[in-house]
Amino acid sequence: PSNFHGKQGYEFELMTKFGFTPTQTLVA
């Protein structure tokens, strides 16, 4: 729900809020 295809780039932002560095998100 409300998690639309093509919009999932928002997960990168949420990951950084939960402790990932930007680099770690891109490597993941």
mmCIF file of all heavy atoms, coordinates in Angstrom:
data_MODEL
# 
_entry.id   MODEL 
# 
loop_
_atom_site.group_PDB 
_atom_site.id 
_atom_site.type_symbol 
_atom_site.label_atom_id 
_atom_site.label_alt_id 
_atom_site.label_comp_id 
_atom_site.label_asym_id 
_atom_site.label_entity_id 
_atom_site.label_seq_id 
_atom_site.pdbx_PDB_ins_code 
_atom_site.Cartn_x 
_atom_site.Cartn_y 
_atom_site.Cartn_z 
_atom_site.occupancy 
_atom_site.B_iso_or_equiv 
_atom_site.pdbx_formal_charge 
_atom_site.auth_seq_id 
_atom_site.auth_comp_id 
_atom_site.auth_asym_id 
_atom_site.auth_atom_id 
_atom_site.pdbx_PDB_model_num 
ATOM 1   N N   . PRO A 1 1  ? 0.790  -1.242 0.000  1.00 0.00 ? 1  PRO A N   1 
ATOM 2   C CA  . PRO A 1 1  ? 0.000  0.000  0.000  1.00 0.00 ? 1  PRO A CA  1 
ATOM 3   C C   . PRO A 1 1  ? 0.819  1.287  0.000  1.00 0.00 ? 1  PRO A C   1 
ATOM 4   O O   . PRO A 1 1  ? 1.701  1.493  0.832  1.00 0.00 ? 1  PRO A O   1 
ATOM 5   C CB  . PRO A 1 1  ? -0.824 -0.123 1.285  1.00 0.00 ? 1  PRO A CB  1 
ATOM 6   C CG  . PRO A 1 1  ? -1.027 -1.588 1.449  1.00 0.00 ? 1  PRO A CG  1 
ATOM 7   C CD  . PRO A 1 1  ? 0.275  -2.206 0.995  1.00 0.00 ? 1  PRO A CD  1 
ATOM 8   N N   . SER A 1 2  ? 0.515  2.149  -0.968 1.00 0.00 ? 2  SER A N   1 
ATOM 9   C CA  . SER A 1 2  ? 1.152  3.454  -1.162 1.00 0.00 ? 2  SER A CA  1 
ATOM 10  C C   . SER A 1 2  ? 2.662  3.354  -1.388 1.00 0.00 ? 2  SER A C   1 
ATOM 11  O O   . SER A 1 2  ? 3.377  4.350  -1.299 1.00 0.00 ? 2  SER A O   1 
ATOM 12  C CB  . SER A 1 2  ? 0.867  4.386  0.034  1.00 0.00 ? 2  SER A CB  1 
ATOM 13  O OG  . SER A 1 2  ? 0.972  5.740  -0.366 1.00 0.00 ? 2  SER A OG  1 
ATOM 14  N N   . ASN A 1 3  ? 3.123  2.170  -1.731 1.00 0.00 ? 3  ASN A N   1 
ATOM 15  C CA  . ASN A 1 3  ? 4.541  1.898  -1.996 1.00 0.00 ? 3  ASN A CA  1 
ATOM 16  C C   . ASN A 1 3  ? 4.639  1.567  -3.483 1.00 0.00 ? 3  ASN A C   1 
ATOM 17  O O   . ASN A 1 3  ? 4.713  0.415  -3.879 1.00 0.00 ? 3  ASN A O   1 
ATOM 18  C CB  . ASN A 1 3  ? 4.999  0.740  -1.110 1.00 0.00 ? 3  ASN A CB  1 
ATOM 19  C CG  . ASN A 1 3  ? 6.472  0.418  -1.251 1.00 0.00 ? 3  ASN A CG  1 
ATOM 20  O OD1 . ASN A 1 3  ? 7.240  1.162  -1.863 1.00 0.00 ? 3  ASN A OD1 1 
ATOM 21  N ND2 . ASN A 1 3  ? 6.874  -0.705 -0.686 1.00 0.00 ? 3  ASN A ND2 1 
ATOM 22  N N   . PHE A 1 4  ? 4.647  2.626  -4.300 1.00 0.00 ? 4  PHE A N   1 
ATOM 23  C CA  . PHE A 1 4  ? 4.433  2.480  -5.732 1.00 0.00 ? 4  PHE A CA  1 
ATOM 24  C C   . PHE A 1 4  ? 5.719  2.136  -6.486 1.00 0.00 ? 4  PHE A C   1 
ATOM 25  O O   . PHE A 1 4  ? 6.804  2.624  -6.135 1.00 0.00 ? 4  PHE A O   1 
ATOM 26  C CB  . PHE A 1 4  ? 3.837  3.768  -6.306 1.00 0.00 ? 4  PHE A CB  1 
ATOM 27  C CG  . PHE A 1 4  ? 2.526  4.153  -5.683 1.00 0.00 ? 4  PHE A CG  1 
ATOM 28  C CD1 . PHE A 1 4  ? 2.433  5.227  -4.815 1.00 0.00 ? 4  PHE A CD1 1 
ATOM 29  C CD2 . PHE A 1 4  ? 1.377  3.421  -5.946 1.00 0.00 ? 4  PHE A CD2 1 
ATOM 30  C CE1 . PHE A 1 4  ? 1.227  5.578  -4.233 1.00 0.00 ? 4  PHE A CE1 1 
ATOM 31  C CE2 . PHE A 1 4  ? 0.167  3.756  -5.374 1.00 0.00 ? 4  PHE A CE2 1 
ATOM 32  C CZ  . PHE A 1 4  ? 0.090  4.836  -4.503 1.00 0.00 ? 4  PHE A CZ  1 
ATOM 33  N N   . HIS A 1 5  ? 5.579  1.325  -7.499 1.00 0.00 ? 5  HIS A N   1 
ATOM 34  C CA  . HIS A 1 5  ? 6.703  1.037  -8.388 1.00 0.00 ? 5  HIS A CA  1 
ATOM 35  C C   . HIS A 1 5  ? 7.190  2.339  -9.028 1.00 0.00 ? 5  HIS A C   1 
ATOM 36  O O   . HIS A 1 5  ? 6.397  3.208  -9.390 1.00 0.00 ? 5  HIS A O   1 
ATOM 37  C CB  . HIS A 1 5  ? 6.281  0.044  -9.467 1.00 0.00 ? 5  HIS A CB  1 
ATOM 38  C CG  . HIS A 1 5  ? 6.057  -1.335 -8.944 1.00 0.00 ? 5  HIS A CG  1 
ATOM 39  N ND1 . HIS A 1 5  ? 7.069  -2.241 -8.798 1.00 0.00 ? 5  HIS A ND1 1 
ATOM 40  C CD2 . HIS A 1 5  ? 4.926  -1.941 -8.495 1.00 0.00 ? 5  HIS A CD2 1 
ATOM 41  C CE1 . HIS A 1 5  ? 6.573  -3.362 -8.303 1.00 0.00 ? 5  HIS A CE1 1 
ATOM 42  N NE2 . HIS A 1 5  ? 5.283  -3.207 -8.104 1.00 0.00 ? 5  HIS A NE2 1 
ATOM 43  N N   . GLY A 1 6  ? 8.503  2.456  -9.142 1.00 0.00 ? 6  GLY A N   1 
ATOM 44  C CA  . GLY A 1 6  ? 9.105  3.664  -9.695 1.00 0.00 ? 6  GLY A CA  1 
ATOM 45  C C   . GLY A 1 6  ? 9.350  4.748  -8.666 1.00 0.00 ? 6  GLY A C   1 
ATOM 46  O O   . GLY A 1 6  ? 10.064 5.713  -8.944 1.00 0.00 ? 6  GLY A O   1 
ATOM 47  N N   . LYS A 1 7  ? 8.771  4.589  -7.471 1.00 0.00 ? 7  LYS A N   1 
ATOM 48  C CA  . LYS A 1 7  ? 8.947  5.568  -6.394 1.00 0.00 ? 7  LYS A CA  1 
ATOM 49  C C   . LYS A 1 7  ? 9.806  5.021  -5.254 1.00 0.00 ? 7  LYS A C   1 
ATOM 50  O O   . LYS A 1 7  ? 9.953  5.665  -4.216 1.00 0.00 ? 7  LYS A O   1 
ATOM 51  C CB  . LYS A 1 7  ? 7.579  5.979  -5.829 1.00 0.00 ? 7  LYS A CB  1 
ATOM 52  C CG  . LYS A 1 7  ? 6.603  6.542  -6.859 1.00 0.00 ? 7  LYS A CG  1 
ATOM 53  C CD  . LYS A 1 7  ? 7.078  7.867  -7.407 1.00 0.00 ? 7  LYS A CD  1 
ATOM 54  C CE  . LYS A 1 7  ? 6.038  8.473  -8.345 1.00 0.00 ? 7  LYS A CE  1 
ATOM 55  N NZ  . LYS A 1 7  ? 6.517  9.753  -8.940 1.00 0.00 ? 7  LYS A NZ  1 
ATOM 56  N N   . GLN A 1 8  ? 10.389 3.829  -5.461 1.00 0.00 ? 8  GLN A N   1 
ATOM 57  C CA  . GLN A 1 8  ? 11.077 3.176  -4.353 1.00 0.00 ? 8  GLN A CA  1 
ATOM 58  C C   . GLN A 1 8  ? 12.434 3.786  -4.010 1.00 0.00 ? 8  GLN A C   1 
ATOM 59  O O   . GLN A 1 8  ? 13.086 3.375  -3.049 1.00 0.00 ? 8  GLN A O   1 
ATOM 60  C CB  . GLN A 1 8  ? 11.219 1.674  -4.598 1.00 0.00 ? 8  GLN A CB  1 
ATOM 61  C CG  . GLN A 1 8  ? 12.065 1.265  -5.798 1.00 0.00 ? 8  GLN A CG  1 
ATOM 62  C CD  . GLN A 1 8  ? 11.232 0.943  -7.003 1.00 0.00 ? 8  GLN A CD  1 
ATOM 63  O OE1 . GLN A 1 8  ? 10.478 1.767  -7.478 1.00 0.00 ? 8  GLN A OE1 1 
ATOM 64  N NE2 . GLN A 1 8  ? 11.374 -0.268 -7.536 1.00 0.00 ? 8  GLN A NE2 1 
ATOM 65  N N   . GLY A 1 9  ? 12.855 4.807  -4.767 1.00 0.00 ? 9  GLY A N   1 
ATOM 66  C CA  . GLY A 1 9  ? 14.084 5.515  -4.400 1.00 0.00 ? 9  GLY A CA  1 
ATOM 67  C C   . GLY A 1 9  ? 13.998 6.177  -3.029 1.00 0.00 ? 9  GLY A C   1 
ATOM 68  O O   . GLY A 1 9  ? 15.015 6.509  -2.427 1.00 0.00 ? 9  GLY A O   1 
ATOM 69  N N   . TYR A 1 10 ? 12.786 6.345  -2.530 1.00 0.00 ? 10 TYR A N   1 
ATOM 70  C CA  . TYR A 1 10 ? 12.584 6.901  -1.182 1.00 0.00 ? 10 TYR A CA  1 
ATOM 71  C C   . TYR A 1 10 ? 13.218 6.015  -0.109 1.00 0.00 ? 10 TYR A C   1 
ATOM 72  O O   . TYR A 1 10 ? 13.591 6.485  0.971  1.00 0.00 ? 10 TYR A O   1 
ATOM 73  C CB  . TYR A 1 10 ? 11.085 7.063  -0.940 1.00 0.00 ? 10 TYR A CB  1 
ATOM 74  C CG  . TYR A 1 10 ? 10.687 7.590  0.418  1.00 0.00 ? 10 TYR A CG  1 
ATOM 75  C CD1 . TYR A 1 10 ? 11.318 8.694  0.990  1.00 0.00 ? 10 TYR A CD1 1 
ATOM 76  C CD2 . TYR A 1 10 ? 9.649  6.992  1.124  1.00 0.00 ? 10 TYR A CD2 1 
ATOM 77  C CE1 . TYR A 1 10 ? 10.926 9.176  2.235  1.00 0.00 ? 10 TYR A CE1 1 
ATOM 78  C CE2 . TYR A 1 10 ? 9.249  7.469  2.357  1.00 0.00 ? 10 TYR A CE2 1 
ATOM 79  C CZ  . TYR A 1 10 ? 9.897  8.560  2.918  1.00 0.00 ? 10 TYR A CZ  1 
ATOM 80  O OH  . TYR A 1 10 ? 9.503  9.026  4.143  1.00 0.00 ? 10 TYR A OH  1 
ATOM 81  N N   . GLU A 1 11 ? 13.368 4.718  -0.397 1.00 0.00 ? 11 GLU A N   1 
ATOM 82  C CA  . GLU A 1 11 ? 13.991 3.807  0.571  1.00 0.00 ? 11 GLU A CA  1 
ATOM 83  C C   . GLU A 1 11 ? 15.428 4.224  0.900  1.00 0.00 ? 11 GLU A C   1 
ATOM 84  O O   . GLU A 1 11 ? 15.882 4.042  2.040  1.00 0.00 ? 11 GLU A O   1 
ATOM 85  C CB  . GLU A 1 11 ? 13.972 2.376  0.025  1.00 0.00 ? 11 GLU A CB  1 
ATOM 86  C CG  . GLU A 1 11 ? 14.676 1.342  0.900  1.00 0.00 ? 11 GLU A CG  1 
ATOM 87  C CD  . GLU A 1 11 ? 13.895 0.945  2.149  1.00 0.00 ? 11 GLU A CD  1 
ATOM 88  O OE1 . GLU A 1 11 ? 12.762 1.454  2.347  1.00 0.00 ? 11 GLU A OE1 1 
ATOM 89  O OE2 . GLU A 1 11 ? 14.430 0.139  2.927  1.00 0.00 ? 11 GLU A OE2 1 
ATOM 90  N N   . PHE A 1 12 ? 16.142 4.792  -0.065 1.00 0.00 ? 12 PHE A N   1 
ATOM 91  C CA  . PHE A 1 12 ? 17.505 5.261  0.223  1.00 0.00 ? 12 PHE A CA  1 
ATOM 92  C C   . PHE A 1 12 ? 17.486 6.285  1.351  1.00 0.00 ? 12 PHE A C   1 
ATOM 93  O O   . PHE A 1 12 ? 18.322 6.249  2.266  1.00 0.00 ? 12 PHE A O   1 
ATOM 94  C CB  . PHE A 1 12 ? 18.132 5.880  -1.033 1.00 0.00 ? 12 PHE A CB  1 
ATOM 95  C CG  . PHE A 1 12 ? 18.471 4.897  -2.103 1.00 0.00 ? 12 PHE A CG  1 
ATOM 96  C CD1 . PHE A 1 12 ? 17.656 4.728  -3.217 1.00 0.00 ? 12 PHE A CD1 1 
ATOM 97  C CD2 . PHE A 1 12 ? 19.632 4.141  -2.026 1.00 0.00 ? 12 PHE A CD2 1 
ATOM 98  C CE1 . PHE A 1 12 ? 17.976 3.820  -4.216 1.00 0.00 ? 12 PHE A CE1 1 
ATOM 99  C CE2 . PHE A 1 12 ? 19.967 3.224  -3.008 1.00 0.00 ? 12 PHE A CE2 1 
ATOM 100 C CZ  . PHE A 1 12 ? 19.132 3.059  -4.109 1.00 0.00 ? 12 PHE A CZ  1 
ATOM 101 N N   . GLU A 1 13 ? 16.557 7.206  1.291  1.00 0.00 ? 13 GLU A N   1 
ATOM 102 C CA  . GLU A 1 13 ? 16.436 8.241  2.320  1.00 0.00 ? 13 GLU A CA  1 
ATOM 103 C C   . GLU A 1 13 ? 16.093 7.629  3.678  1.00 0.00 ? 13 GLU A C   1 
ATOM 104 O O   . GLU A 1 13 ? 16.682 7.994  4.711  1.00 0.00 ? 13 GLU A O   1 
ATOM 105 C CB  . GLU A 1 13 ? 15.356 9.240  1.896  1.00 0.00 ? 13 GLU A CB  1 
ATOM 106 C CG  . GLU A 1 13 ? 15.178 10.408 2.832  1.00 0.00 ? 13 GLU A CG  1 
ATOM 107 C CD  . GLU A 1 13 ? 14.119 11.386 2.331  1.00 0.00 ? 13 GLU A CD  1 
ATOM 108 O OE1 . GLU A 1 13 ? 13.736 11.308 1.143  1.00 0.00 ? 13 GLU A OE1 1 
ATOM 109 O OE2 . GLU A 1 13 ? 13.668 12.225 3.139  1.00 0.00 ? 13 GLU A OE2 1 
ATOM 110 N N   . LEU A 1 14 ? 15.155 6.688  3.689  1.00 0.00 ? 14 LEU A N   1 
ATOM 111 C CA  . LEU A 1 14 ? 14.782 6.043  4.945  1.00 0.00 ? 14 LEU A CA  1 
ATOM 112 C C   . LEU A 1 14 ? 15.946 5.250  5.532  1.00 0.00 ? 14 LEU A C   1 
ATOM 113 O O   . LEU A 1 14 ? 16.134 5.228  6.758  1.00 0.00 ? 14 LEU A O   1 
ATOM 114 C CB  . LEU A 1 14 ? 13.579 5.123  4.722  1.00 0.00 ? 14 LEU A CB  1 
ATOM 115 C CG  . LEU A 1 14 ? 12.252 5.809  4.391  1.00 0.00 ? 14 LEU A CG  1 
ATOM 116 C CD1 . LEU A 1 14 ? 11.196 4.769  4.033  1.00 0.00 ? 14 LEU A CD1 1 
ATOM 117 C CD2 . LEU A 1 14 ? 11.782 6.668  5.560  1.00 0.00 ? 14 LEU A CD2 1 
ATOM 118 N N   . MET A 1 15 ? 16.714 4.601  4.695  1.00 0.00 ? 15 MET A N   1 
ATOM 119 C CA  . MET A 1 15 ? 17.864 3.840  5.184  1.00 0.00 ? 15 MET A CA  1 
ATOM 120 C C   . MET A 1 15 ? 18.866 4.748  5.896  1.00 0.00 ? 15 MET A C   1 
ATOM 121 O O   . MET A 1 15 ? 19.420 4.378  6.935  1.00 0.00 ? 15 MET A O   1 
ATOM 122 C CB  . MET A 1 15 ? 18.530 3.088  4.034  1.00 0.00 ? 15 MET A CB  1 
ATOM 123 C CG  . MET A 1 15 ? 17.700 1.922  3.503  1.00 0.00 ? 15 MET A CG  1 
ATOM 124 S SD  . MET A 1 15 ? 18.383 1.152  2.004  1.00 0.00 ? 15 MET A SD  1 
ATOM 125 C CE  . MET A 1 15 ? 19.703 0.148  2.723  1.00 0.00 ? 15 MET A CE  1 
ATOM 126 N N   . THR A 1 16 ? 19.095 5.941  5.344  1.00 0.00 ? 16 THR A N   1 
ATOM 127 C CA  . THR A 1 16 ? 20.032 6.853  6.022  1.00 0.00 ? 16 THR A CA  1 
ATOM 128 C C   . THR A 1 16 ? 19.467 7.328  7.357  1.00 0.00 ? 16 THR A C   1 
ATOM 129 O O   . THR A 1 16 ? 20.222 7.542  8.311  1.00 0.00 ? 16 THR A O   1 
ATOM 130 C CB  . THR A 1 16 ? 20.373 8.064  5.137  1.00 0.00 ? 16 THR A CB  1 
ATOM 131 O OG1 . THR A 1 16 ? 19.188 8.821  4.853  1.00 0.00 ? 16 THR A OG1 1 
ATOM 132 C CG2 . THR A 1 16 ? 21.024 7.629  3.837  1.00 0.00 ? 16 THR A CG2 1 
ATOM 133 N N   . LYS A 1 17 ? 18.166 7.456  7.466  1.00 0.00 ? 17 LYS A N   1 
ATOM 134 C CA  . LYS A 1 17 ? 17.549 7.843  8.734  1.00 0.00 ? 17 LYS A CA  1 
ATOM 135 C C   . LYS A 1 17 ? 17.687 6.738  9.779  1.00 0.00 ? 17 LYS A C   1 
ATOM 136 O O   . LYS A 1 17 ? 17.641 7.003  10.985 1.00 0.00 ? 17 LYS A O   1 
ATOM 137 C CB  . LYS A 1 17 ? 16.076 8.188  8.531  1.00 0.00 ? 17 LYS A CB  1 
ATOM 138 C CG  . LYS A 1 17 ? 15.845 9.476  7.752  1.00 0.00 ? 17 LYS A CG  1 
ATOM 139 C CD  . LYS A 1 17 ? 14.368 9.772  7.575  1.00 0.00 ? 17 LYS A CD  1 
ATOM 140 C CE  . LYS A 1 17 ? 14.146 11.078 6.807  1.00 0.00 ? 17 LYS A CE  1 
ATOM 141 N NZ  . LYS A 1 17 ? 12.699 11.364 6.589  1.00 0.00 ? 17 LYS A NZ  1 
ATOM 142 N N   . PHE A 1 18 ? 17.853 5.491  9.312  1.00 0.00 ? 18 PHE A N   1 
ATOM 143 C CA  . PHE A 1 18 ? 17.973 4.357  10.218 1.00 0.00 ? 18 PHE A CA  1 
ATOM 144 C C   . PHE A 1 18 ? 19.422 3.932  10.437 1.00 0.00 ? 18 PHE A C   1 
ATOM 145 O O   . PHE A 1 18 ? 19.670 2.865  10.986 1.00 0.00 ? 18 PHE A O   1 
ATOM 146 C CB  . PHE A 1 18 ? 17.158 3.181  9.669  1.00 0.00 ? 18 PHE A CB  1 
ATOM 147 C CG  . PHE A 1 18 ? 15.703 3.210  10.057 1.00 0.00 ? 18 PHE A CG  1 
ATOM 148 C CD1 . PHE A 1 18 ? 14.968 4.373  10.005 1.00 0.00 ? 18 PHE A CD1 1 
ATOM 149 C CD2 . PHE A 1 18 ? 15.060 2.058  10.477 1.00 0.00 ? 18 PHE A CD2 1 
ATOM 150 C CE1 . PHE A 1 18 ? 13.620 4.409  10.357 1.00 0.00 ? 18 PHE A CE1 1 
ATOM 151 C CE2 . PHE A 1 18 ? 13.715 2.072  10.833 1.00 0.00 ? 18 PHE A CE2 1 
ATOM 152 C CZ  . PHE A 1 18 ? 13.004 3.247  10.775 1.00 0.00 ? 18 PHE A CZ  1 
ATOM 153 N N   . GLY A 1 19 ? 20.377 4.761  10.002 1.00 0.00 ? 19 GLY A N   1 
ATOM 154 C CA  . GLY A 1 19 ? 21.766 4.504  10.361 1.00 0.00 ? 19 GLY A CA  1 
ATOM 155 C C   . GLY A 1 19 ? 22.736 4.213  9.247  1.00 0.00 ? 19 GLY A C   1 
ATOM 156 O O   . GLY A 1 19 ? 23.946 4.191  9.464  1.00 0.00 ? 19 GLY A O   1 
ATOM 157 N N   . PHE A 1 20 ? 22.245 3.964  8.025  1.00 0.00 ? 20 PHE A N   1 
ATOM 158 C CA  . PHE A 1 20 ? 23.156 3.719  6.908  1.00 0.00 ? 20 PHE A CA  1 
ATOM 159 C C   . PHE A 1 20 ? 23.811 5.029  6.471  1.00 0.00 ? 20 PHE A C   1 
ATOM 160 O O   . PHE A 1 20 ? 23.178 6.090  6.508  1.00 0.00 ? 20 PHE A O   1 
ATOM 161 C CB  . PHE A 1 20 ? 22.392 3.157  5.708  1.00 0.00 ? 20 PHE A CB  1 
ATOM 162 C CG  . PHE A 1 20 ? 21.871 1.757  5.872  1.00 0.00 ? 20 PHE A CG  1 
ATOM 163 C CD1 . PHE A 1 20 ? 20.660 1.519  6.512  1.00 0.00 ? 20 PHE A CD1 1 
ATOM 164 C CD2 . PHE A 1 20 ? 22.569 0.676  5.365  1.00 0.00 ? 20 PHE A CD2 1 
ATOM 165 C CE1 . PHE A 1 20 ? 20.157 0.238  6.649  1.00 0.00 ? 20 PHE A CE1 1 
ATOM 166 C CE2 . PHE A 1 20 ? 22.085 -0.617 5.496  1.00 0.00 ? 20 PHE A CE2 1 
ATOM 167 C CZ  . PHE A 1 20 ? 20.879 -0.835 6.142  1.00 0.00 ? 20 PHE A CZ  1 
ATOM 168 N N   . THR A 1 21 ? 25.054 4.957  6.022  1.00 0.00 ? 21 THR A N   1 
ATOM 169 C CA  . THR A 1 21 ? 25.643 6.091  5.314  1.00 0.00 ? 21 THR A CA  1 
ATOM 170 C C   . THR A 1 21 ? 25.120 6.067  3.878  1.00 0.00 ? 21 THR A C   1 
ATOM 171 O O   . THR A 1 21 ? 24.696 5.009  3.379  1.00 0.00 ? 21 THR A O   1 
ATOM 172 C CB  . THR A 1 21 ? 27.170 6.008  5.281  1.00 0.00 ? 21 THR A CB  1 
ATOM 173 O OG1 . THR A 1 21 ? 27.566 4.871  4.488  1.00 0.00 ? 21 THR A OG1 1 
ATOM 174 C CG2 . THR A 1 21 ? 27.743 5.872  6.694  1.00 0.00 ? 21 THR A CG2 1 
ATOM 175 N N   . PRO A 1 22 ? 25.110 7.202  3.179  1.00 0.00 ? 22 PRO A N   1 
ATOM 176 C CA  . PRO A 1 22 ? 24.712 7.167  1.768  1.00 0.00 ? 22 PRO A CA  1 
ATOM 177 C C   . PRO A 1 22 ? 25.498 6.146  0.948  1.00 0.00 ? 22 PRO A C   1 
ATOM 178 O O   . PRO A 1 22 ? 24.922 5.444  0.108  1.00 0.00 ? 22 PRO A O   1 
ATOM 179 C CB  . PRO A 1 22 ? 24.975 8.602  1.304  1.00 0.00 ? 22 PRO A CB  1 
ATOM 180 C CG  . PRO A 1 22 ? 24.774 9.429  2.532  1.00 0.00 ? 22 PRO A CG  1 
ATOM 181 C CD  . PRO A 1 22 ? 25.349 8.584  3.642  1.00 0.00 ? 22 PRO A CD  1 
ATOM 182 N N   . THR A 1 23 ? 26.784 6.032  1.202  1.00 0.00 ? 23 THR A N   1 
ATOM 183 C CA  . THR A 1 23 ? 27.603 5.061  0.472  1.00 0.00 ? 23 THR A CA  1 
ATOM 184 C C   . THR A 1 23 ? 27.119 3.644  0.731  1.00 0.00 ? 23 THR A C   1 
ATOM 185 O O   . THR A 1 23 ? 27.020 2.828  -0.203 1.00 0.00 ? 23 THR A O   1 
ATOM 186 C CB  . THR A 1 23 ? 29.078 5.192  0.879  1.00 0.00 ? 23 THR A CB  1 
ATOM 187 O OG1 . THR A 1 23 ? 29.549 6.494  0.531  1.00 0.00 ? 23 THR A OG1 1 
ATOM 188 C CG2 . THR A 1 23 ? 29.938 4.154  0.178  1.00 0.00 ? 23 THR A CG2 1 
ATOM 189 N N   . GLN A 1 24 ? 26.794 3.327  1.972  1.00 0.00 ? 24 GLN A N   1 
ATOM 190 C CA  . GLN A 1 24 ? 26.313 1.981  2.291  1.00 0.00 ? 24 GLN A CA  1 
ATOM 191 C C   . GLN A 1 24 ? 25.019 1.649  1.564  1.00 0.00 ? 24 GLN A C   1 
ATOM 192 O O   . GLN A 1 24 ? 24.811 0.517  1.143  1.00 0.00 ? 24 GLN A O   1 
ATOM 193 C CB  . GLN A 1 24 ? 26.116 1.839  3.802  1.00 0.00 ? 24 GLN A CB  1 
ATOM 194 C CG  . GLN A 1 24 ? 27.410 1.717  4.578  1.00 0.00 ? 24 GLN A CG  1 
ATOM 195 C CD  . GLN A 1 24 ? 27.187 1.726  6.085  1.00 0.00 ? 24 GLN A CD  1 
ATOM 196 O OE1 . GLN A 1 24 ? 26.342 2.458  6.611  1.00 0.00 ? 24 GLN A OE1 1 
ATOM 197 N NE2 . GLN A 1 24 ? 27.948 0.905  6.802  1.00 0.00 ? 24 GLN A NE2 1 
ATOM 198 N N   . THR A 1 25 ? 24.145 2.640  1.390  1.00 0.00 ? 25 THR A N   1 
ATOM 199 C CA  . THR A 1 25 ? 22.895 2.370  0.677  1.00 0.00 ? 25 THR A CA  1 
ATOM 200 C C   . THR A 1 25 ? 23.155 2.058  -0.795 1.00 0.00 ? 25 THR A C   1 
ATOM 201 O O   . THR A 1 25 ? 22.523 1.162  -1.367 1.00 0.00 ? 25 THR A O   1 
ATOM 202 C CB  . THR A 1 25 ? 21.910 3.550  0.786  1.00 0.00 ? 25 THR A CB  1 
ATOM 203 O OG1 . THR A 1 25 ? 22.383 4.680  0.051  1.00 0.00 ? 25 THR A OG1 1 
ATOM 204 C CG2 . THR A 1 25 ? 21.663 3.947  2.235  1.00 0.00 ? 25 THR A CG2 1 
ATOM 205 N N   . LEU A 1 26 ? 24.084 2.797  -1.414 1.00 0.00 ? 26 LEU A N   1 
ATOM 206 C CA  . LEU A 1 26 ? 24.382 2.565  -2.828 1.00 0.00 ? 26 LEU A CA  1 
ATOM 207 C C   . LEU A 1 26 ? 25.061 1.217  -3.038 1.00 0.00 ? 26 LEU A C   1 
ATOM 208 O O   . LEU A 1 26 ? 24.778 0.513  -4.023 1.00 0.00 ? 26 LEU A O   1 
ATOM 209 C CB  . LEU A 1 26 ? 25.267 3.687  -3.379 1.00 0.00 ? 26 LEU A CB  1 
ATOM 210 C CG  . LEU A 1 26 ? 24.716 5.116  -3.309 1.00 0.00 ? 26 LEU A CG  1 
ATOM 211 C CD1 . LEU A 1 26 ? 25.604 6.064  -4.121 1.00 0.00 ? 26 LEU A CD1 1 
ATOM 212 C CD2 . LEU A 1 26 ? 23.280 5.202  -3.787 1.00 0.00 ? 26 LEU A CD2 1 
ATOM 213 N N   . VAL A 1 27 ? 25.947 0.844  -2.133 1.00 0.00 ? 27 VAL A N   1 
ATOM 214 C CA  . VAL A 1 27 ? 26.594 -0.470 -2.223 1.00 0.00 ? 27 VAL A CA  1 
ATOM 215 C C   . VAL A 1 27 ? 25.561 -1.577 -2.054 1.00 0.00 ? 27 VAL A C   1 
ATOM 216 O O   . VAL A 1 27 ? 25.578 -2.589 -2.764 1.00 0.00 ? 27 VAL A O   1 
ATOM 217 C CB  . VAL A 1 27 ? 27.718 -0.592 -1.175 1.00 0.00 ? 27 VAL A CB  1 
ATOM 218 C CG1 . VAL A 1 27 ? 28.259 -2.021 -1.123 1.00 0.00 ? 27 VAL A CG1 1 
ATOM 219 C CG2 . VAL A 1 27 ? 28.861 0.369  -1.493 1.00 0.00 ? 27 VAL A CG2 1 
ATOM 220 N N   . ALA A 1 28 ? 24.615 -1.391 -1.122 1.00 0.00 ? 28 ALA A N   1 
ATOM 221 C CA  . ALA A 1 28 ? 23.572 -2.394 -0.904 1.00 0.00 ? 28 ALA A CA  1 
ATOM 222 C C   . ALA A 1 28 ? 22.749 -2.617 -2.163 1.00 0.00 ? 28 ALA A C   1 
ATOM 223 O O   . ALA A 1 28 ? 22.388 -3.760 -2.489 1.00 0.00 ? 28 ALA A O   1 
ATOM 224 C CB  . ALA A 1 28 ? 22.671 -1.967 0.252  1.00 0.00 ? 28 ALA A CB  1 
# 
